Amino acid sequence: MKLATYNVKDLFDPGTFPSPGGRPMTAEMASGKREALARRLLAAAPDVVALQEIASRKELERLRDRIGLPHMLLADADERGIASAIL
């Protein structure tokens, strides 16, 4: 079994602000980030992936579907709305 871990650095929904005073996440930014993550994970070909800094269930579902892993577990978010997940 091959395991991977990856800190995705603010996987947020479009229209939200990943950092105080920063630019809002656009749909293009979210899509680009998701595709870059998918390419890296597909290249590593893990059976299980632990992810950190997830702030969007929808973006996590899209990433899971893109890399073709069948299961998803999203932990409860902290006070900032950021969580960890396992695919």
Protein backbone atom coordinates (compact mmCIF):
# COMPACT_ATOMS: atom_id res chain seq x y z
CA MET A 1 0.00 0.00 0.00
CA LYS A 2 1.31 3.43 -0.93
CA LEU A 3 0.52 6.41 1.34
CA ALA A 4 0.98 10.11 0.63
CA THR A 5 0.51 13.28 2.63
CA TYR A 6 0.16 16.76 1.19
CA ASN A 7 -0.45 20.21 2.66
CA VAL A 8 -2.64 21.78 -0.03
CA LYS A 9 -2.19 25.34 1.36
CA ASP A 10 -5.71 26.76 1.46
CA LEU A 11 -8.04 24.70 -0.74
CA PHE A 12 -10.97 27.14 -0.52
CA ASP A 13 -14.25 27.65 -2.35
CA PRO A 14 -14.28 30.30 -5.08
CA GLY A 15 -15.37 33.67 -3.67
CA THR A 16 -13.81 33.11 -0.26
CA PHE A 17 -10.67 34.71 1.13
CA PRO A 18 -7.80 32.28 1.82
CA SER A 19 -5.85 34.88 3.77
CA PRO A 20 -6.86 38.05 5.63
CA GLY A 21 -6.50 41.06 3.37
CA GLY A 22 -5.77 38.83 0.39
CA ARG A 23 -7.55 38.41 -2.90
CA PRO A 24 -10.65 36.25 -3.02
CA MET A 25 -10.24 32.80 -4.52
CA THR A 26 -11.61 32.88 -8.07
CA ALA A 27 -13.06 29.87 -9.90
CA GLU A 28 -9.99 29.90 -12.16
CA MET A 29 -7.62 29.93 -9.18
CA ALA A 30 -9.48 27.05 -7.50
CA SER A 31 -9.54 25.02 -10.71
CA GLY A 32 -5.84 25.66 -11.35
CA LYS A 33 -4.91 24.70 -7.81
CA ARG A 34 -7.03 21.54 -7.97
CA GLU A 35 -5.52 20.50 -11.31
CA ALA A 36 -1.95 21.09 -10.08
CA LEU A 37 -2.66 18.99 -6.97
CA ALA A 38 -4.26 16.26 -9.08
CA ARG A 39 -1.24 16.07 -11.39
CA ARG A 40 1.13 15.70 -8.43
CA LEU A 41 -1.01 13.08 -6.73
CA LEU A 42 -1.61 11.11 -9.94
CA ALA A 43 2.15 11.07 -10.56
CA ALA A 44 2.71 9.66 -7.05
CA ALA A 45 -0.11 7.12 -7.51
CA PRO A 46 -0.92 6.65 -3.80
CA ASP A 47 -3.59 4.31 -2.49
CA VAL A 48 -4.37 6.66 0.42
CA VAL A 49 -3.77 10.41 0.69
CA ALA A 50 -3.80 12.55 3.86
CA LEU A 51 -4.43 16.22 3.07
CA GLN A 52 -4.06 19.30 5.25
CA GLU A 53 -5.57 22.81 4.96
CA ILE A 54 -8.86 21.85 3.36
CA ALA A 55 -11.52 24.54 3.65
CA SER A 56 -14.00 23.29 1.05
CA ARG A 57 -15.86 19.99 0.96
CA LYS A 58 -16.85 20.68 -2.67
CA GLU A 59 -13.26 21.30 -3.81
CA LEU A 60 -12.16 18.17 -1.93
CA GLU A 61 -14.87 16.14 -3.69
CA ARG A 62 -13.73 17.52 -7.05
CA LEU A 63 -10.12 16.61 -6.28
CA ARG A 64 -11.14 13.12 -5.15
CA ASP A 65 -13.14 12.58 -8.33
CA ARG A 66 -10.28 13.90 -10.48
CA ILE A 67 -7.72 11.50 -9.02
CA GLY A 68 -10.13 8.58 -8.88
CA LEU A 69 -9.95 7.55 -5.25
CA PRO A 70 -13.23 6.02 -4.05
CA HIS A 71 -13.50 7.27 -0.46
CA MET A 72 -13.28 10.55 1.43
CA LEU A 73 -13.14 11.50 5.10
CA LEU A 74 -13.15 15.18 6.06
CA ALA A 75 -12.39 16.03 9.69
CA ASP A 76 -14.21 18.74 11.60
CA ALA A 77 -12.83 22.18 10.78
CA ASP A 78 -11.06 24.41 13.26
CA GLU A 79 -12.26 27.92 14.16
CA ARG A 80 -10.85 29.24 10.86
CA GLY A 81 -12.84 26.70 8.83
CA ILE A 82 -9.75 24.64 7.91
CA ALA A 83 -9.63 20.86 8.24
CA SER A 84 -7.67 17.76 7.29
CA ALA A 85 -8.93 14.96 5.08
CA ILE A 86 -8.12 11.44 3.98
CA LEU A 87 -8.82 10.11 0.49
